[in-house]
Amino acid sequence: MVTFVVRRVAYSIPVLLIASVLVFGFVRATTDPLARLRQGSRDPQAVPRERARLGLDKPLPTQYWKWLSGFVRGSWGDSFITRRSAAQEIRAKLWNTLQLIIWGILLSALVAIAVGVYSASRQYSVLDYTFTTGLSFLGLSMPVFWFALMAIQFLVYEPRQIFHLDQPILYSVGLHSATPQPFDYVRHLALPVLTLSVQLVAGWSRYQRSSMLDVMSSDYIRTARAKGLPRRKVLLKHGLRNALIPLTTVMAIDIGALFGGLIITEKIFAWPGMGKLFLDALIDGDTNVLLPWVMVTAVFIIGFNLLADILYGVLDPRIRLS
């Protein structure tokens, strides 16, 4: 198992290097850190002076090496807009996004696995069609922004008007209230987590159902049934472990992508996370924030793919032997 993990980690290093080259090239090609200065300064020497100070007059390979070595050392520079450390900005926003992702993933995984197992065990029943055909396709086809706006309307504004409440039951903006409220954290977290979970549950439950159906038709499951084991034990003890392997890969890839993919959700709910930071940095041309932001997201995506490979090896020993 140790050799398997070391080999997988070694494979990830060149992938990270290639990702860093692509990230640097993409950000340099699409943003101009001196755009604001060009528009607002009356000093003709200001732009060349700032260009030399930032090292933008150096060849691109030199700029890339300086940025990469600084990124590895944790020296990410200061934001051009806020003048605060880019590392501190990203750390604070990353923790806020992590809270959203952790609760969303836990909720989505529990619901998706339960729905997938139940639908597979009751194949072609009314509830199976309801879950895996009706609700799953509805969840996958609904745009995130539309569902978020409907959730705000029907879970925040409508209950407040109907029951004449001074405060809404759930909040639709921010992470905390200005004044302490009972269950303040949960009331702010509920709607963003619900919005995040809808599409995840819809997709993951279908994977889990298909995987369970494949496993339940295997010879060892038929043998377990022939030995007279209870249906629940066959399903949960013998079937579920192997059926979780494909879903594990999908979950790990989705979790990595979520670090950079919550832009719409965070924008609608004014959640101070990585998505909102990316939008602000992109609009302002703040490359000192954009470069580490994209690279941190790439590290998470590659890291969770690596985790998926390792989990594969843990769940199925044949994979690490091959």
Protein backbone atom coordinates (compact mmCIF):
# COMPACT_ATOMS: atom_id res chain seq x y z
CA MET A 1 0.00 0.00 0.00
CA VAL A 2 2.90 2.40 0.79
CA THR A 3 4.43 1.81 -2.67
CA PHE A 4 1.03 2.42 -4.26
CA VAL A 5 0.63 5.77 -2.42
CA VAL A 6 4.22 6.90 -3.17
CA ARG A 7 3.77 6.08 -6.86
CA ARG A 8 0.51 8.04 -7.02
CA VAL A 9 2.07 11.05 -5.26
CA ALA A 10 5.03 10.96 -7.68
CA TYR A 11 2.60 11.01 -10.63
CA SER A 12 0.94 14.13 -9.22
CA ILE A 13 4.11 16.27 -9.15
CA PRO A 14 4.55 16.71 -12.95
CA VAL A 15 0.79 17.29 -13.24
CA LEU A 16 1.09 20.14 -10.73
CA LEU A 17 4.02 21.65 -12.64
CA ILE A 18 2.08 21.55 -15.92
CA ALA A 19 -0.93 23.08 -14.14
CA SER A 20 1.27 25.92 -12.80
CA VAL A 21 2.51 26.74 -16.33
CA LEU A 22 -1.06 26.78 -17.67
CA VAL A 23 -2.30 28.87 -14.74
CA PHE A 24 0.49 31.45 -15.16
CA GLY A 25 -0.01 31.66 -18.94
CA PHE A 26 -3.81 31.93 -18.64
CA VAL A 27 -3.77 34.69 -16.02
CA ARG A 28 -1.00 36.67 -17.75
CA ALA A 29 -2.86 36.45 -21.10
CA THR A 30 -6.27 37.52 -19.74
CA THR A 31 -5.50 40.19 -17.12
CA ASP A 32 -3.44 43.35 -17.03
CA PRO A 33 -2.26 44.33 -13.52
CA LEU A 34 -1.51 47.87 -14.75
CA ALA A 35 -4.93 48.48 -16.34
CA ARG A 36 -6.14 50.79 -13.55
CA LEU A 37 -2.87 52.72 -13.56
CA ARG A 38 -3.02 53.23 -17.34
CA GLN A 39 -6.53 54.71 -17.02
CA GLY A 40 -6.09 56.86 -13.92
CA SER A 41 -2.49 58.15 -13.86
CA ARG A 42 -1.39 61.46 -15.43
CA ASP A 43 2.30 60.69 -14.87
CA PRO A 44 3.70 59.17 -18.15
CA GLN A 45 6.50 57.47 -16.21
CA ALA A 46 4.18 55.82 -13.70
CA VAL A 47 3.36 52.79 -15.87
CA PRO A 48 7.00 51.94 -16.87
CA ARG A 49 8.10 52.51 -13.25
CA GLU A 50 5.43 50.18 -11.85
CA ARG A 51 6.09 47.67 -14.63
CA ALA A 52 9.76 47.51 -13.62
CA ARG A 53 8.90 47.32 -9.90
CA LEU A 54 6.59 44.33 -10.45
CA GLY A 55 9.13 42.63 -12.72
CA LEU A 56 6.76 42.66 -15.73
CA ASP A 57 9.59 43.89 -18.01
CA LYS A 58 11.46 40.60 -17.49
CA PRO A 59 11.11 37.62 -19.89
CA LEU A 60 8.09 35.39 -19.20
CA PRO A 61 10.18 32.35 -18.06
CA THR A 62 11.91 34.59 -15.47
CA GLN A 63 8.54 35.94 -14.29
CA TYR A 64 7.15 32.40 -14.08
CA TRP A 65 10.08 31.10 -12.04
CA LYS A 66 9.93 34.06 -9.65
CA TRP A 67 6.19 33.55 -9.15
CA LEU A 68 6.43 29.75 -8.73
CA SER A 69 9.30 29.91 -6.23
CA GLY A 70 7.40 32.61 -4.29
CA PHE A 71 4.21 30.51 -4.34
CA VAL A 72 6.02 27.46 -2.97
CA ARG A 73 7.62 29.56 -0.19
CA GLY A 74 4.22 31.12 0.65
CA SER A 75 5.29 34.58 -0.54
CA TRP A 76 2.28 35.49 -2.69
CA GLY A 77 2.61 39.29 -2.58
CA ASP A 78 -0.05 41.87 -1.69
CA SER A 79 -3.41 42.49 -3.32
CA PHE A 80 -3.26 45.49 -5.67
CA ILE A 81 -6.70 46.58 -4.46
CA THR A 82 -6.81 46.00 -0.68
CA ARG A 83 -3.01 46.18 -0.11
CA ARG A 84 -3.37 43.21 2.24
CA SER A 85 -1.41 39.98 1.94
CA ALA A 86 -2.85 37.77 -0.83
CA ALA A 87 -2.12 34.69 1.30
CA GLN A 88 -4.18 36.07 4.20
CA GLU A 89 -7.02 37.06 1.84
CA ILE A 90 -7.17 33.56 0.33
CA ARG A 91 -6.83 31.77 3.69
CA ALA A 92 -9.77 33.68 5.17
CA LYS A 93 -11.98 33.11 2.12
CA LEU A 94 -10.87 29.49 1.78
CA TRP A 95 -12.07 28.69 5.30
CA ASN A 96 -15.49 30.21 4.55
CA THR A 97 -15.79 28.14 1.36
CA LEU A 98 -14.58 25.03 3.21
CA GLN A 99 -17.43 25.36 5.72
CA LEU A 100 -19.92 25.46 2.84
CA ILE A 101 -18.34 22.48 1.10
CA ILE A 102 -17.99 20.30 4.22
CA TRP A 103 -21.65 20.64 5.23
CA GLY A 104 -22.84 20.38 1.62
CA ILE A 105 -20.80 17.23 0.97
CA LEU A 106 -21.91 15.55 4.20
CA LEU A 107 -25.58 16.26 3.52
CA SER A 108 -25.33 15.30 -0.17
CA ALA A 109 -23.42 12.06 0.49
CA LEU A 110 -25.84 10.86 3.17
CA VAL A 111 -28.93 11.59 1.08
CA ALA A 112 -27.46 10.34 -2.23
CA ILE A 113 -26.22 7.02 -0.81
CA ALA A 114 -29.50 6.39 1.03
CA VAL A 115 -31.57 7.21 -2.08
CA GLY A 116 -29.28 5.18 -4.37
CA VAL A 117 -29.35 2.08 -2.16
CA TYR A 118 -33.11 2.28 -1.62
CA SER A 119 -33.83 2.77 -5.35
CA ALA A 120 -31.60 -0.16 -6.31
CA SER A 121 -33.23 -2.43 -3.76
CA ARG A 122 -36.71 -1.41 -5.02
CA GLN A 123 -35.90 -1.29 -8.75
CA TYR A 124 -38.78 -0.15 -11.01
CA SER A 125 -41.00 0.68 -8.02
CA VAL A 126 -42.93 3.95 -7.84
CA LEU A 127 -40.41 5.49 -5.44
CA ASP A 128 -37.51 4.32 -7.65
CA TYR A 129 -39.00 6.16 -10.65
CA THR A 130 -39.79 9.16 -8.45
CA PHE A 131 -36.24 9.45 -7.08
CA THR A 132 -34.08 8.45 -10.03
CA THR A 133 -36.17 9.71 -12.93
CA GLY A 134 -38.34 12.57 -11.69
CA LEU A 135 -36.43 14.26 -8.88
CA SER A 136 -32.92 13.48 -10.19
CA PHE A 137 -33.57 14.94 -13.65
CA LEU A 138 -35.32 17.90 -12.06
CA GLY A 139 -32.31 18.53 -9.80
CA LEU A 140 -29.79 18.17 -12.64
CA SER A 141 -31.73 20.40 -15.03
CA MET A 142 -32.41 23.28 -12.63
CA PRO A 143 -29.92 26.17 -13.03
CA VAL A 144 -28.20 26.92 -9.74
CA PHE A 145 -29.08 30.61 -9.78
CA TRP A 146 -32.77 29.86 -10.42
CA PHE A 147 -33.01 27.35 -7.58
CA ALA A 148 -31.21 29.77 -5.25
CA LEU A 149 -33.64 32.58 -6.10
CA MET A 150 -36.66 30.28 -5.64
CA ALA A 151 -35.27 29.11 -2.28
CA ILE A 152 -34.88 32.73 -1.13
CA GLN A 153 -38.41 33.56 -2.24
CA PHE A 154 -40.19 30.53 -0.73
CA LEU A 155 -38.02 29.87 2.35
CA VAL A 156 -37.19 33.43 3.39
CA TYR A 157 -39.67 36.05 2.13
CA GLU A 158 -42.92 34.04 1.90
CA PRO A 159 -42.81 32.55 5.47
CA ARG A 160 -41.93 35.98 6.87
CA GLN A 161 -44.94 37.60 5.19
CA ILE A 162 -47.37 34.76 5.92
CA PHE A 163 -46.49 34.47 9.62
CA HIS A 164 -45.75 38.22 10.09
CA LEU A 165 -42.28 37.55 11.53
CA ASP A 166 -39.90 40.28 12.67
CA GLN A 167 -36.91 38.23 11.55
CA PRO A 168 -36.77 35.63 8.74
CA ILE A 169 -36.45 31.97 9.72
CA LEU A 170 -33.48 31.58 7.35
CA TYR A 171 -31.10 34.29 6.17
CA SER A 172 -30.20 34.78 2.52
CA VAL A 173 -27.15 37.04 2.86
CA GLY A 174 -23.76 36.69 4.52
CA LEU A 175 -22.19 34.44 7.10
CA HIS A 176 -23.21 36.13 10.37
CA SER A 177 -25.75 38.67 11.63
CA ALA A 178 -24.66 42.06 12.95
CA THR A 179 -26.34 41.21 16.27
CA PRO A 180 -26.23 37.69 17.80
CA GLN A 181 -29.26 35.54 16.87
CA PRO A 182 -30.28 32.05 18.08
CA PHE A 183 -28.85 29.41 15.72
CA ASP A 184 -27.33 32.23 13.68
CA TYR A 185 -24.72 30.04 11.96
CA VAL A 186 -27.23 27.39 10.88
CA ARG A 187 -29.75 29.96 9.67
CA HIS A 188 -27.14 31.58 7.40
CA LEU A 189 -25.68 28.28 6.23
CA ALA A 190 -28.94 26.48 5.37
CA LEU A 191 -29.80 28.03 1.99
CA PRO A 192 -26.27 27.98 0.42
CA VAL A 193 -25.83 24.35 1.56
CA LEU A 194 -29.26 23.40 0.19
CA THR A 195 -28.44 25.05 -3.16
CA LEU A 196 -25.09 23.27 -3.30
CA SER A 197 -26.63 19.90 -2.43
CA VAL A 198 -29.46 19.75 -4.96
CA GLN A 199 -27.37 18.96 -8.05
CA LEU A 200 -24.89 16.83 -6.10
CA VAL A 201 -27.64 14.61 -4.67
CA ALA A 202 -29.30 14.33 -8.09
CA GLY A 203 -26.09 13.17 -9.78
CA TRP A 204 -24.61 11.05 -6.98
CA SER A 205 -27.83 9.15 -6.26
CA ARG A 206 -27.98 7.97 -9.88
CA TYR A 207 -24.34 6.80 -9.72
CA GLN A 208 -25.03 4.99 -6.46
CA ARG A 209 -28.14 3.29 -7.84
CA SER A 210 -26.36 2.07 -11.00
CA SER A 211 -23.38 0.86 -9.00
CA MET A 212 -25.60 -1.00 -6.51
CA LEU A 213 -27.49 -2.70 -9.34
CA ASP A 214 -24.22 -3.91 -10.89
CA VAL A 215 -23.01 -5.26 -7.56
CA MET A 216 -26.33 -6.92 -6.68
CA SER A 217 -26.16 -8.99 -9.88
CA SER A 218 -22.70 -10.35 -8.99
CA ASP A 219 -22.05 -14.03 -8.24
CA TYR A 220 -20.86 -13.43 -4.67
CA ILE A 221 -24.11 -11.62 -3.85
CA ARG A 222 -26.13 -14.53 -5.26
CA THR A 223 -23.98 -16.88 -3.16
CA ALA A 224 -24.62 -14.81 -0.04
CA ARG A 225 -28.35 -14.93 -0.72
CA ALA A 226 -28.22 -18.69 -1.38
CA LYS A 227 -26.59 -19.17 2.03
CA GLY A 228 -29.72 -17.66 3.57
CA LEU A 229 -28.25 -14.35 4.78
CA PRO A 230 -30.85 -11.66 5.56
CA ARG A 231 -31.55 -9.22 2.71
CA ARG A 232 -30.46 -6.20 4.76
CA LYS A 233 -27.11 -7.84 5.61
CA VAL A 234 -26.46 -8.81 1.97
CA LEU A 235 -27.31 -5.31 0.82
CA LEU A 236 -25.36 -3.27 3.37
CA LYS A 237 -22.46 -5.55 4.35
CA HIS A 238 -21.65 -7.28 1.05
CA GLY A 239 -23.06 -4.93 -1.58
CA LEU A 240 -22.59 -1.39 -0.33
CA ARG A 241 -18.78 -1.44 0.12
CA ASN A 242 -18.05 -2.39 -3.50
CA ALA A 243 -20.84 -0.18 -4.80
CA LEU A 244 -19.21 2.85 -3.15
CA ILE A 245 -16.03 2.60 -5.28
CA PRO A 246 -17.32 4.37 -8.46
CA LEU A 247 -19.12 6.98 -6.37
CA THR A 248 -15.92 7.68 -4.41
CA THR A 249 -14.14 8.78 -7.59
CA VAL A 250 -17.00 10.99 -8.68
CA MET A 251 -17.26 12.55 -5.21
CA ALA A 252 -13.52 13.26 -4.97
CA ILE A 253 -13.45 14.94 -8.40
CA ASP A 254 -16.58 16.97 -7.61
CA ILE A 255 -15.21 18.09 -4.22
CA GLY A 256 -11.98 19.34 -5.80
CA ALA A 257 -13.91 21.22 -8.47
CA LEU A 258 -16.21 22.80 -5.88
CA PHE A 259 -13.36 24.94 -4.48
CA GLY A 260 -13.48 26.96 -7.66
CA GLY A 261 -17.02 26.25 -8.73
CA LEU A 262 -19.15 27.98 -6.12
CA ILE A 263 -18.98 31.37 -7.77
CA ILE A 264 -22.71 31.67 -8.52
CA THR A 265 -23.85 30.32 -5.15
CA GLU A 266 -21.50 32.57 -3.18
CA LYS A 267 -22.42 35.61 -5.28
CA ILE A 268 -26.19 35.14 -4.81
CA PHE A 269 -25.94 34.58 -1.04
CA ALA A 270 -23.14 37.18 -0.57
CA TRP A 271 -21.08 34.41 1.01
CA PRO A 272 -17.54 35.72 1.64
CA GLY A 273 -15.73 32.77 0.08
CA MET A 274 -13.35 31.83 -2.73
CA GLY A 275 -15.91 32.35 -5.51
CA LYS A 276 -16.64 35.94 -4.52
CA LEU A 277 -12.90 36.63 -4.12
CA PHE A 278 -12.26 35.29 -7.65
CA LEU A 279 -14.92 37.52 -9.20
CA ASP A 280 -13.64 40.63 -7.39
CA ALA A 281 -10.01 39.88 -8.35
CA LEU A 282 -10.95 39.17 -11.99
CA ILE A 283 -12.94 42.39 -12.35
CA ASP A 284 -10.15 44.45 -10.73
CA GLY A 285 -7.32 42.70 -12.63
CA ASP A 286 -5.70 41.78 -9.30
CA THR A 287 -3.19 39.20 -10.59
CA ASN A 288 -1.48 38.84 -7.20
CA VAL A 289 -4.73 37.30 -5.92
CA LEU A 290 -5.81 35.58 -9.15
CA LEU A 291 -2.58 33.59 -9.65
CA PRO A 292 -2.48 31.93 -6.19
CA TRP A 293 -6.30 31.55 -6.26
CA VAL A 294 -6.26 29.49 -9.48
CA MET A 295 -3.18 27.55 -8.33
CA VAL A 296 -4.73 26.73 -4.94
CA THR A 297 -7.84 25.49 -6.76
CA ALA A 298 -5.67 23.35 -9.07
CA VAL A 299 -3.86 21.90 -6.03
CA PHE A 300 -7.19 20.95 -4.44
CA ILE A 301 -8.47 19.33 -7.67
CA ILE A 302 -5.27 17.29 -8.12
CA GLY A 303 -5.16 16.50 -4.39
CA PHE A 304 -8.71 15.13 -4.34
CA ASN A 305 -8.03 13.07 -7.49
CA LEU A 306 -5.04 11.62 -5.65
CA LEU A 307 -7.26 10.93 -2.64
CA ALA A 308 -9.73 9.13 -4.93
CA ASP A 309 -6.94 6.90 -6.25
CA ILE A 310 -5.83 6.05 -2.71
CA LEU A 311 -9.38 5.32 -1.57
CA TYR A 312 -9.75 3.08 -4.61
CA GLY A 313 -6.77 1.11 -3.40
CA VAL A 314 -8.17 0.87 0.12
CA LEU A 315 -11.62 -0.26 -1.01
CA ASP A 316 -10.39 -2.68 -3.70
CA PRO A 317 -6.91 -4.27 -3.09
CA ARG A 318 -6.79 -5.59 -6.70
CA ILE A 319 -6.28 -2.01 -7.95
CA ARG A 320 -3.14 -1.31 -5.89
CA LEU A 321 -1.65 -4.67 -6.89
CA SER A 322 -2.09 -3.83 -10.56
